[in-house]
Amino acid sequence: MQPEDYSSALAAGWLPIRDVARQTGVNPVTLRAWERRYGLLQPQRTGKGHRLYPPGQVERIRQILTWLGRGVSVGQVSELLQRQEHQPLAHNLWQEQRQQLLQAIAEQAERRLDDLFNQALTLYPPATLCAQLLLPLLDSLQQRWQGQFGAELERVFFHSWLRSKLGARLYHQNRQLGGAPLLLVNLSQRPLEPGLWLTAWLCVSAACPSEVFDWPLPANELLLAIEHMQPRALLLYASDSLPSPLLQQQLPRLLASSPVPLLLAGPASQIHAASLQDLPGLHLAAGPLAALHSLQHLELLGSAQGSPA
């Protein structure tokens, strides 16, 4: 890279490694290891061999941190990132709406957050809002919360608001629907799992009554819940890496004993895809929209036509 190119790169927002380390909290030794050992990063080199990182590489570092925070080993991250590389960029309109939501969350402005969400809900169906607004918003928040002061405040505020908002919609829509419910259970160690509530909201909007247990249950008590509630299917949701006893013992036992279809949704289904693909009868879904499509494919949902939003 020539001197004039170096100056232009800096002017365009490219960063030397020390500034990247300062922004992301990842030390230079680790950044170089991610590049050399795992091919996760591709900085440019100056004529003297110094690394420069374009904005896209800084964004990629935050994505890596998000996966690592979910319990993924660094060797798995490359494959998980590749699955998301070819997603189309969102329209500027959606980007603007997400920025408004991010600002409201940063300021814990509940009424403004309510107004923005309600306005969007009057214009778009739940699946569109989930795909274009809420899931990209969650991705942005996960990246912003990496090592940021005030991150836990934002997380608890937003997750509490989201569960309250979607929980109220589930309650009212469930009262209008009949038939066996879909039972959704949180397998994550952290309560207020947003992907779980988004999945339930999508399903109830597709005319499927949905009951949410926002806390893990032992496998034998899940079977008791199935016996009592007679659900049409059991959907387990987890954003983090699952513990070995659950993967190797409890989940196979649950599959062998459950009389209803069983789905595992969320990032955990991608993290453990290789070990889960040999479990007969287990359906995997990467997130809320994939879970909705999987349930529709299994003909476990009603028609969304005419159902409440």
Protein backbone atom coordinates (compact mmCIF):
# COMPACT_ATOMS: atom_id res chain seq x y z
CA MET A 1 0.00 0.00 0.00
CA GLN A 2 1.49 3.33 -1.10
CA PRO A 3 1.68 6.35 1.30
CA GLU A 4 -1.14 8.15 -0.52
CA ASP A 5 -3.24 4.99 -0.39
CA TYR A 6 -2.50 4.70 3.33
CA SER A 7 -3.76 8.24 3.97
CA SER A 8 -6.86 7.61 1.86
CA ALA A 9 -7.57 4.40 3.77
CA LEU A 10 -7.37 6.21 7.11
CA ALA A 11 -9.64 8.95 5.78
CA ALA A 12 -12.15 6.28 4.70
CA GLY A 13 -12.36 4.88 8.22
CA TRP A 14 -9.79 2.07 8.03
CA LEU A 15 -8.12 1.46 11.39
CA PRO A 16 -4.67 0.29 12.51
CA ILE A 17 -4.62 -2.72 14.79
CA ARG A 18 -4.17 -0.71 18.00
CA ASP A 19 -7.38 1.24 17.32
CA VAL A 20 -9.28 -1.93 16.44
CA ALA A 21 -8.14 -3.46 19.74
CA ARG A 22 -9.28 -0.35 21.59
CA GLN A 23 -12.73 -0.36 19.92
CA THR A 24 -13.47 -4.07 20.21
CA GLY A 25 -11.61 -5.07 23.37
CA VAL A 26 -9.72 -7.81 21.49
CA ASN A 27 -5.97 -7.54 21.97
CA PRO A 28 -3.63 -7.46 18.94
CA VAL A 29 -2.17 -10.91 19.69
CA THR A 30 -5.64 -12.44 19.46
CA LEU A 31 -6.51 -10.49 16.31
CA ARG A 32 -3.37 -11.80 14.61
CA ALA A 33 -4.15 -15.35 15.76
CA TRP A 34 -7.68 -15.13 14.33
CA GLU A 35 -6.14 -14.06 11.04
CA ARG A 36 -3.23 -16.54 10.81
CA ARG A 37 -4.64 -19.69 12.41
CA TYR A 38 -8.30 -19.50 11.48
CA GLY A 39 -8.55 -17.13 8.51
CA LEU A 40 -11.30 -15.17 10.25
CA LEU A 41 -9.90 -11.74 9.36
CA GLN A 42 -8.35 -10.26 6.22
CA PRO A 43 -6.72 -6.90 6.98
CA GLN A 44 -4.75 -5.04 4.34
CA ARG A 45 -1.00 -4.42 4.78
CA THR A 46 0.89 -1.16 4.42
CA GLY A 47 4.22 -1.02 2.63
CA LYS A 48 5.90 -1.57 6.00
CA GLY A 49 3.70 -4.56 6.80
CA HIS A 50 1.38 -2.86 9.28
CA ARG A 51 -2.24 -4.06 9.32
CA LEU A 52 -5.18 -1.85 8.40
CA TYR A 53 -8.77 -2.97 9.01
CA PRO A 54 -11.69 -1.66 6.92
CA PRO A 55 -15.02 -1.04 8.70
CA GLY A 56 -16.39 -4.38 7.48
CA GLN A 57 -13.60 -6.24 9.28
CA VAL A 58 -14.36 -4.41 12.53
CA GLU A 59 -18.00 -5.44 12.15
CA ARG A 60 -16.83 -9.02 11.57
CA ILE A 61 -14.84 -8.95 14.81
CA ARG A 62 -18.02 -8.02 16.68
CA GLN A 63 -19.84 -10.91 15.01
CA ILE A 64 -17.03 -13.25 16.11
CA LEU A 65 -17.38 -11.97 19.67
CA THR A 66 -21.13 -12.60 19.56
CA TRP A 67 -20.62 -16.25 18.62
CA LEU A 68 -17.86 -16.72 21.18
CA GLY A 69 -20.18 -15.26 23.80
CA ARG A 70 -22.66 -18.01 22.96
CA GLY A 71 -20.15 -20.68 23.90
CA VAL A 72 -18.86 -21.46 20.40
CA SER A 73 -15.20 -22.45 20.02
CA VAL A 74 -13.12 -20.20 17.79
CA GLY A 75 -12.64 -23.09 15.34
CA GLN A 76 -16.39 -23.22 14.69
CA VAL A 77 -16.87 -19.52 14.06
CA SER A 78 -15.75 -19.41 10.42
CA GLU A 79 -18.44 -21.84 9.26
CA LEU A 80 -21.14 -20.03 11.22
CA LEU A 81 -20.12 -16.68 9.73
CA GLN A 82 -20.11 -18.08 6.18
CA ARG A 83 -23.75 -19.10 6.48
CA GLN A 84 -24.70 -15.45 6.98
CA GLU A 85 -22.36 -13.75 4.49
CA HIS A 86 -24.72 -13.68 1.52
CA GLN A 87 -27.77 -12.19 3.21
CA PRO A 88 -29.00 -9.13 1.26
CA LEU A 89 -28.46 -5.71 2.76
CA ALA A 90 -31.57 -4.17 4.24
CA HIS A 91 -33.22 -1.15 2.62
CA ASN A 92 -32.35 2.26 4.07
CA LEU A 93 -35.92 2.60 5.36
CA TRP A 94 -35.44 -0.39 7.65
CA GLN A 95 -32.00 0.83 8.69
CA GLU A 96 -33.51 4.16 9.70
CA GLN A 97 -36.21 2.44 11.76
CA ARG A 98 -33.64 0.23 13.46
CA GLN A 99 -31.56 3.29 14.36
CA GLN A 100 -34.61 4.89 15.95
CA LEU A 101 -35.26 1.74 17.99
CA LEU A 102 -31.60 1.54 19.02
CA GLN A 103 -31.71 5.12 20.25
CA ALA A 104 -34.88 4.47 22.26
CA ILE A 105 -33.30 1.38 23.82
CA ALA A 106 -30.08 3.27 24.66
CA GLU A 107 -32.17 5.87 26.51
CA GLN A 108 -34.61 3.34 28.04
CA ALA A 109 -37.43 5.35 26.44
CA GLU A 110 -40.27 2.83 26.78
CA ARG A 111 -43.08 4.97 25.42
CA ARG A 112 -41.07 5.94 22.33
CA LEU A 113 -40.13 2.28 21.81
CA ASP A 114 -43.82 1.35 22.07
CA ASP A 115 -44.85 4.00 19.57
CA LEU A 116 -42.20 2.98 17.03
CA PHE A 117 -43.12 -0.70 17.27
CA ASN A 118 -46.89 -0.06 17.12
CA GLN A 119 -46.46 2.16 14.07
CA ALA A 120 -44.47 -0.53 12.26
CA LEU A 121 -47.00 -3.19 13.27
CA THR A 122 -49.83 -1.32 11.59
CA LEU A 123 -47.95 -1.37 8.26
CA TYR A 124 -46.26 -4.79 8.10
CA PRO A 125 -47.12 -8.41 8.99
CA PRO A 126 -45.22 -10.09 11.86
CA ALA A 127 -42.98 -12.21 9.61
CA THR A 128 -41.83 -9.13 7.67
CA LEU A 129 -41.21 -7.16 10.87
CA CYS A 130 -39.26 -10.06 12.30
CA ALA A 131 -37.08 -10.49 9.18
CA GLN A 132 -36.44 -6.84 8.36
CA LEU A 133 -36.58 -5.05 11.71
CA LEU A 134 -36.43 -7.13 14.88
CA LEU A 135 -33.89 -9.85 14.05
CA PRO A 136 -31.40 -7.38 12.50
CA LEU A 137 -32.01 -5.15 15.54
CA LEU A 138 -31.13 -8.03 17.87
CA ASP A 139 -27.95 -8.71 15.87
CA SER A 140 -26.94 -5.05 16.17
CA LEU A 141 -27.62 -5.07 19.90
CA GLN A 142 -25.62 -8.26 20.47
CA GLN A 143 -22.64 -6.69 18.74
CA ARG A 144 -23.06 -3.38 20.59
CA TRP A 145 -23.23 -5.14 23.95
CA GLN A 146 -19.78 -6.70 23.64
CA GLY A 147 -17.85 -5.19 26.54
CA GLN A 148 -19.84 -1.93 26.58
CA PHE A 149 -20.60 -0.17 29.85
CA GLY A 150 -24.37 -0.13 30.32
CA ALA A 151 -24.85 -3.20 28.12
CA GLU A 152 -26.63 -5.20 30.84
CA LEU A 153 -28.98 -2.29 31.53
CA GLU A 154 -29.92 -2.10 27.84
CA ARG A 155 -30.27 -5.89 27.62
CA VAL A 156 -32.59 -6.21 30.62
CA PHE A 157 -34.65 -3.17 29.56
CA PHE A 158 -35.14 -4.33 25.98
CA HIS A 159 -35.69 -8.03 26.71
CA SER A 160 -38.20 -7.15 29.47
CA TRP A 161 -40.04 -4.80 27.13
CA LEU A 162 -40.08 -7.34 24.31
CA ARG A 163 -41.40 -10.16 26.52
CA SER A 164 -44.09 -7.87 27.97
CA LYS A 165 -45.11 -6.64 24.52
CA LEU A 166 -45.22 -10.03 22.82
CA GLY A 167 -46.56 -11.80 25.91
CA ALA A 168 -49.63 -9.54 25.91
CA ARG A 169 -50.22 -10.32 22.23
CA LEU A 170 -49.87 -14.05 22.89
CA TYR A 171 -52.40 -13.85 25.72
CA HIS A 172 -55.06 -12.05 23.67
CA GLN A 173 -54.54 -14.10 20.52
CA ASN A 174 -54.53 -17.40 22.41
CA ARG A 175 -58.00 -16.52 23.73
CA GLN A 176 -59.26 -16.36 20.13
CA LEU A 177 -57.75 -19.68 19.02
CA GLY A 178 -58.71 -23.27 19.69
CA GLY A 179 -56.97 -26.60 19.41
CA ALA A 180 -53.80 -28.03 20.87
CA PRO A 181 -51.09 -25.47 21.65
CA LEU A 182 -47.48 -25.37 20.55
CA LEU A 183 -45.30 -25.64 23.66
CA LEU A 184 -42.14 -23.50 23.52
CA VAL A 185 -39.43 -23.93 26.17
CA ASN A 186 -36.37 -21.81 26.84
CA LEU A 187 -33.19 -23.91 27.07
CA SER A 188 -30.90 -20.88 27.46
CA GLN A 189 -29.34 -20.22 30.84
CA ARG A 190 -30.50 -16.60 30.66
CA PRO A 191 -34.22 -15.81 31.00
CA LEU A 192 -36.02 -13.32 28.73
CA GLU A 193 -34.85 -15.20 25.60
CA PRO A 194 -35.94 -12.88 22.74
CA GLY A 195 -35.78 -15.54 20.01
CA LEU A 196 -38.20 -17.71 22.00
CA TRP A 197 -40.77 -14.92 22.26
CA LEU A 198 -40.40 -13.91 18.61
CA THR A 199 -40.99 -17.54 17.59
CA ALA A 200 -44.10 -17.76 19.76
CA TRP A 201 -45.41 -14.49 18.33
CA LEU A 202 -44.90 -15.67 14.76
CA CYS A 203 -46.66 -18.95 15.49
CA VAL A 204 -49.65 -17.45 17.25
CA SER A 205 -49.94 -14.97 14.36
CA ALA A 206 -50.17 -18.03 12.08
CA ALA A 207 -53.27 -19.19 13.98
CA CYS A 208 -51.43 -21.56 16.31
CA PRO A 209 -52.06 -21.19 20.08
CA SER A 210 -48.70 -21.02 21.82
CA GLU A 211 -47.63 -21.56 25.42
CA VAL A 212 -44.20 -20.34 26.56
CA PHE A 213 -42.08 -21.68 29.42
CA ASP A 214 -39.29 -19.11 29.75
CA TRP A 215 -37.04 -21.35 31.84
CA PRO A 216 -35.37 -24.75 31.27
CA LEU A 217 -37.10 -27.89 32.57
CA PRO A 218 -35.65 -31.38 33.21
CA ALA A 219 -36.47 -33.86 30.45
CA ASN A 220 -38.75 -35.97 32.65
CA GLU A 221 -40.77 -32.90 33.66
CA LEU A 222 -41.04 -31.85 30.02
CA LEU A 223 -42.63 -35.24 29.38
CA LEU A 224 -45.02 -34.54 32.25
CA ALA A 225 -45.92 -31.19 30.67
CA ILE A 226 -46.58 -32.95 27.36
CA GLU A 227 -48.81 -35.47 29.12
CA HIS A 228 -50.84 -32.73 30.81
CA MET A 229 -51.02 -30.18 27.99
CA GLN A 230 -51.20 -32.49 24.95
CA PRO A 231 -49.37 -29.98 22.68
CA ARG A 232 -49.18 -30.36 18.92
CA ALA A 233 -45.36 -30.05 19.12
CA LEU A 234 -42.54 -29.18 21.51
CA LEU A 235 -40.12 -26.43 20.44
CA LEU A 236 -36.92 -25.94 22.43
CA TYR A 237 -35.07 -22.64 21.94
CA ALA A 238 -31.46 -21.90 22.88
CA SER A 239 -29.05 -19.14 21.88
CA ASP A 240 -26.02 -20.59 23.66
CA SER A 241 -23.93 -23.74 23.46
CA LEU A 242 -25.75 -26.62 25.17
CA PRO A 243 -24.13 -28.61 28.00
CA SER A 244 -22.94 -32.13 27.20
CA PRO A 245 -25.42 -33.99 29.47
CA LEU A 246 -28.30 -32.30 27.68
CA LEU A 247 -26.91 -33.13 24.25
CA GLN A 248 -25.77 -36.68 24.93
CA GLN A 249 -28.37 -37.93 27.40
CA GLN A 250 -31.44 -35.79 28.00
CA LEU A 251 -32.22 -34.80 24.41
CA PRO A 252 -31.96 -38.37 23.00
CA ARG A 253 -34.09 -39.62 25.92
CA LEU A 254 -36.68 -36.93 25.25
CA LEU A 255 -36.76 -37.80 21.55
CA ALA A 256 -37.26 -41.48 22.32
CA SER A 257 -40.12 -40.80 24.75
CA SER A 258 -41.95 -37.80 23.32
CA PRO A 259 -45.22 -38.58 21.50
CA VAL A 260 -45.16 -35.21 19.68
CA PRO A 261 -42.78 -33.67 17.09
CA LEU A 262 -39.69 -32.07 18.61
CA LEU A 263 -37.84 -29.02 17.26
CA LEU A 264 -34.63 -27.35 18.43
CA ALA A 265 -34.45 -23.72 17.32
CA GLY A 266 -31.98 -20.87 17.75
CA PRO A 267 -28.20 -20.52 17.34
CA ALA A 268 -27.65 -23.73 19.37
CA SER A 269 -29.05 -25.70 16.42
CA GLN A 270 -26.22 -24.29 14.28
CA ILE A 271 -23.54 -24.64 16.95
CA HIS A 272 -24.29 -28.35 17.41
CA ALA A 273 -25.51 -29.14 13.88
CA ALA A 274 -22.92 -31.87 13.28
CA SER A 275 -23.75 -33.81 16.45
CA LEU A 276 -27.52 -33.28 16.19
CA GLN A 277 -28.02 -34.40 12.61
CA ASP A 278 -27.80 -38.06 13.64
CA LEU A 279 -30.67 -37.78 16.13
CA PRO A 280 -33.74 -39.27 14.40
CA GLY A 281 -36.91 -37.21 14.59
CA LEU A 282 -35.27 -33.96 15.69
CA HIS A 283 -36.01 -30.94 13.48
CA LEU A 284 -33.53 -28.04 13.51
CA ALA A 285 -34.20 -24.36 12.85
CA ALA A 286 -31.63 -21.56 12.98
CA GLY A 287 -34.03 -18.93 14.33
CA PRO A 288 -37.64 -17.76 14.63
CA LEU A 289 -38.39 -17.52 10.90
CA ALA A 290 -36.81 -20.90 10.16
CA ALA A 291 -38.82 -22.39 13.04
CA LEU A 292 -42.01 -20.95 11.56
CA HIS A 293 -41.20 -22.44 8.14
CA SER A 294 -40.33 -25.81 9.68
CA LEU A 295 -43.63 -25.94 11.58
CA GLN A 296 -45.51 -24.98 8.43
CA HIS A 297 -43.70 -27.70 6.49
CA LEU A 298 -44.73 -30.21 9.16
CA GLU A 299 -48.31 -28.88 8.81
CA LEU A 300 -48.43 -28.00 12.50
CA LEU A 301 -49.63 -24.42 12.03
CA GLY A 302 -52.93 -23.00 10.88
CA SER A 303 -53.27 -20.50 8.09
CA ALA A 304 -52.12 -16.97 8.85
CA GLN A 305 -54.88 -15.55 6.64
CA GLY A 306 -57.31 -13.57 8.74
CA SER A 307 -55.47 -14.26 11.99
CA PRO A 308 -54.71 -11.39 14.36
CA ALA A 309 -51.33 -9.69 14.05
